[in-house]
Amino acid sequence: MQNRASEMDDMSDTLSAFTDEMKRMLAVKTIDIDVPLSQLGVDSLNIVEMVIICQQIYVNVVNYEDIAIDENTTIRELDEQLNALSIPAAIVDAGTLVHQAPCTEQP
């Protein structure tokens, strides 16, 4: 089982990898991870590539549809969301992942 320090390292690793890929995608040398994506020049054409980048970096995300993103979302915020939606690697590696359907109220 991962300890808290190891989980924090994983989160900083994903942020670093995501930042590097965003710089490559936008063809820039530096990028401010706290500036909204729209101000960084991310447009509708970049979104598809950004989703592919996210799927390659955040491989343990349970449901990408749960991500809340708009033109004001920052790289840091997106990284935090994706990490929050990720299943710890130890669970995935152990093969103990159990996907539960959302509860719905019965009348």
Protein backbone atom coordinates (compact mmCIF):
# COMPACT_ATOMS: atom_id res chain seq x y z
CA MET A 1 0.00 0.00 0.00
CA GLN A 2 1.32 3.45 -0.87
CA ASN A 3 2.04 5.88 1.93
CA ARG A 4 0.94 9.52 1.84
CA ALA A 5 4.41 10.79 0.77
CA SER A 6 4.47 8.35 -2.14
CA GLU A 7 0.99 9.44 -3.23
CA MET A 8 2.11 13.08 -3.14
CA ASP A 9 5.16 12.18 -5.27
CA ASP A 10 2.87 10.47 -7.80
CA MET A 11 0.69 13.58 -7.95
CA SER A 12 3.67 15.87 -8.54
CA ASP A 13 4.94 13.44 -11.19
CA THR A 14 1.63 13.58 -13.06
CA LEU A 15 1.54 17.38 -12.87
CA SER A 16 5.09 17.57 -14.20
CA ALA A 17 4.37 15.11 -17.03
CA PHE A 18 1.10 16.86 -17.91
CA THR A 19 2.81 20.26 -17.90
CA ASP A 20 5.60 18.99 -20.16
CA GLU A 21 3.10 17.53 -22.63
CA MET A 22 1.02 20.71 -22.64
CA LYS A 23 4.16 22.75 -23.41
CA ARG A 24 4.93 20.38 -26.27
CA MET A 25 1.36 20.52 -27.58
CA LEU A 26 1.25 24.33 -27.46
CA ALA A 27 4.85 24.65 -28.74
CA VAL A 28 5.99 26.83 -25.83
CA LYS A 29 9.04 26.65 -23.58
CA THR A 30 7.33 27.73 -20.38
CA ILE A 31 3.78 27.53 -19.14
CA ASP A 32 1.97 28.88 -16.08
CA ILE A 33 -0.03 25.98 -14.62
CA ASP A 34 -2.31 28.39 -12.76
CA VAL A 35 -3.52 30.28 -15.83
CA PRO A 36 -6.84 29.22 -17.41
CA LEU A 37 -6.51 26.90 -20.40
CA SER A 38 -8.22 29.45 -22.66
CA GLN A 39 -5.54 32.01 -21.84
CA LEU A 40 -2.83 29.48 -22.64
CA GLY A 41 -4.21 29.15 -26.16
CA VAL A 42 -6.03 25.84 -25.73
CA ASP A 43 -8.92 25.74 -28.19
CA SER A 44 -11.44 23.17 -29.33
CA LEU A 45 -8.89 21.61 -31.69
CA ASN A 46 -6.42 21.12 -28.84
CA ILE A 47 -8.98 19.51 -26.54
CA VAL A 48 -8.90 16.16 -28.35
CA GLU A 49 -5.12 16.02 -28.12
CA MET A 50 -5.27 17.11 -24.47
CA VAL A 51 -7.71 14.28 -23.67
CA ILE A 52 -5.34 11.76 -25.28
CA ILE A 53 -2.45 13.19 -23.25
CA CYS A 54 -4.52 12.86 -20.07
CA GLN A 55 -5.44 9.26 -20.86
CA GLN A 56 -1.76 8.41 -21.29
CA ILE A 57 -0.65 10.09 -18.05
CA TYR A 58 -3.62 9.40 -15.77
CA VAL A 59 -4.11 5.73 -16.57
CA ASN A 60 -6.11 4.87 -13.43
CA VAL A 61 -8.96 7.36 -13.88
CA VAL A 62 -12.23 5.58 -13.27
CA ASN A 63 -14.55 7.81 -15.28
CA TYR A 64 -13.36 10.65 -17.48
CA GLU A 65 -16.97 11.86 -17.78
CA ASP A 66 -16.80 13.09 -14.17
CA ILE A 67 -14.24 15.78 -15.06
CA ALA A 68 -15.50 19.34 -14.76
CA ILE A 69 -13.63 21.46 -17.28
CA ASP A 70 -14.29 24.84 -18.85
CA GLU A 71 -12.30 27.73 -20.28
CA ASN A 72 -11.29 28.82 -16.76
CA THR A 73 -9.87 25.45 -15.69
CA THR A 74 -6.12 25.45 -15.10
CA ILE A 75 -3.56 22.70 -15.64
CA ARG A 76 -3.13 22.39 -11.86
CA GLU A 77 -6.91 22.07 -11.32
CA LEU A 78 -7.21 19.46 -14.05
CA ASP A 79 -4.32 17.49 -12.55
CA GLU A 80 -6.01 17.59 -9.13
CA GLN A 81 -9.32 16.39 -10.59
CA LEU A 82 -7.71 13.56 -12.53
CA ASN A 83 -5.74 12.40 -9.50
CA ALA A 84 -8.89 12.55 -7.35
CA LEU A 85 -10.72 10.39 -9.92
CA SER A 86 -7.89 7.85 -10.09
CA ILE A 87 -7.89 4.50 -8.37
CA PRO A 88 -4.66 3.88 -6.46
CA ALA A 89 -2.27 1.79 -8.54
CA ALA A 90 -1.96 -0.82 -5.78
CA ILE A 91 -5.65 -1.67 -6.11
CA VAL A 92 -5.49 -1.89 -9.90
CA ASP A 93 -2.28 -3.97 -9.76
CA ALA A 94 -3.82 -6.38 -7.26
CA GLY A 95 -6.75 -6.93 -9.58
CA THR A 96 -9.22 -6.11 -6.82
CA LEU A 97 -11.01 -3.34 -8.66
CA VAL A 98 -14.74 -3.66 -8.26
CA HIS A 99 -16.81 -1.21 -10.27
CA GLN A 100 -20.05 -0.32 -8.60
CA ALA A 101 -22.97 1.16 -10.43
CA PRO A 102 -24.24 4.39 -8.90
CA CYS A 103 -27.03 3.99 -6.38
CA THR A 104 -30.43 5.03 -7.54
CA GLU A 105 -33.42 5.48 -5.32
CA GLN A 106 -36.25 3.06 -5.76
CA PRO A 107 -39.79 4.48 -5.36
